[in-house]
Amino acid sequence: MPTYPTPRPIDLDITVTVGDVEITASDTPETVVDVVPSRPSRPGDVSLAKEATVRFDGGRLTVVVPKRLNLFGPGDSVDVRIEAPAGSTATIVSAYGGVRVRGALGDSDITASYGRVQLERTGSLRLKAPYGEVEVADVAGDLDLTAGHARLHIARVDGTANIRGSHGDIELGSVTGDVDVRTSAAISIDRAAASVAIRTAHGAIRVKEVTGGTVRLENGYAGIEVGVPEGTAAWIDAASRQGVVRNELTAESGPEGADRTVELRLRANYGDILIHRAQPARAN
């Protein structure tokens, strides 16, 4: 397997039509590449692995697996496994296969059309995943995500989050920057530290804790729930055409003496709206 001395982070450029991509980013002084047949007993997979090109030049590793047209039966498939220094940037294109990253990458641009995406940590992330489940532990930068029909779970975004989805539910943990989501499914956010704009057609919207900025939530056929923490005042404009608006904040929660203020603009057509005090975080 090709091995290159890389005492510092590099750029990864990987293109695979059918097969999985696995990257381990760690404190390593070298980069190791292994392109293997997904099914070693299948001649087509073996020959395709041999046709893959691997180049390293000027701090950039390029791996290209040629595309094969298979009209009948399973397509030829190879898996790409890479060990690289932590902080390396990545551009990955995978048509049919999963993408998995262990460790911390730098800024990344990933397209996985039909496959599961599992990332431990990246810098700023641009991700397209039309038909695959997405699990990301930590984005140390801005997130730009286009998804489709599977569940999305992003535990933490230290930056802005711009998400365009379709029918897969969206779960966000904490987001430090502005959030902008357009989808037809349900979405939940554990903690939003800045402004939030969400529009969905058929799924519930739940923001467990919002600490400032302007929150604009629009829903068609499900409910809206927002939690406002103690010490944060709320300016509220909420209405539902065929549902009930319930505000559990007390008059004492007004802006006088509050540390922060959040503006809530909430609209639902056929669902209830609930505004309440956020539950305090549990001590470890």
Foldseek 3Di string as FASTA:
>chain_A
DDKAFAQDAAAEEEEFAAEEEEEEAANDRMKDKDKAWPDNVDVLQHVQSVVWDWDDDPRYIYIYGDDDDDPDDDHTYIYMYMYGHAQHEYEYEYAHEEYAYHHEYEEYEYEYAHYEYYEEEYEEYEYEYAHYEYHYEEYNEEYHYEYEAAAYEYAEYAYEYEYEYEHYEYEYEEYAYEYEYEYAEEYEYAEYAEEYAYEYEAYEYYYQEYEAYEYEYEYEAEEYEYAYAPLEAEAEDEDEQAEEEEEPDDPVSHPVRGPYYYYYHYYYYHYYYYYYHHDDDDDD
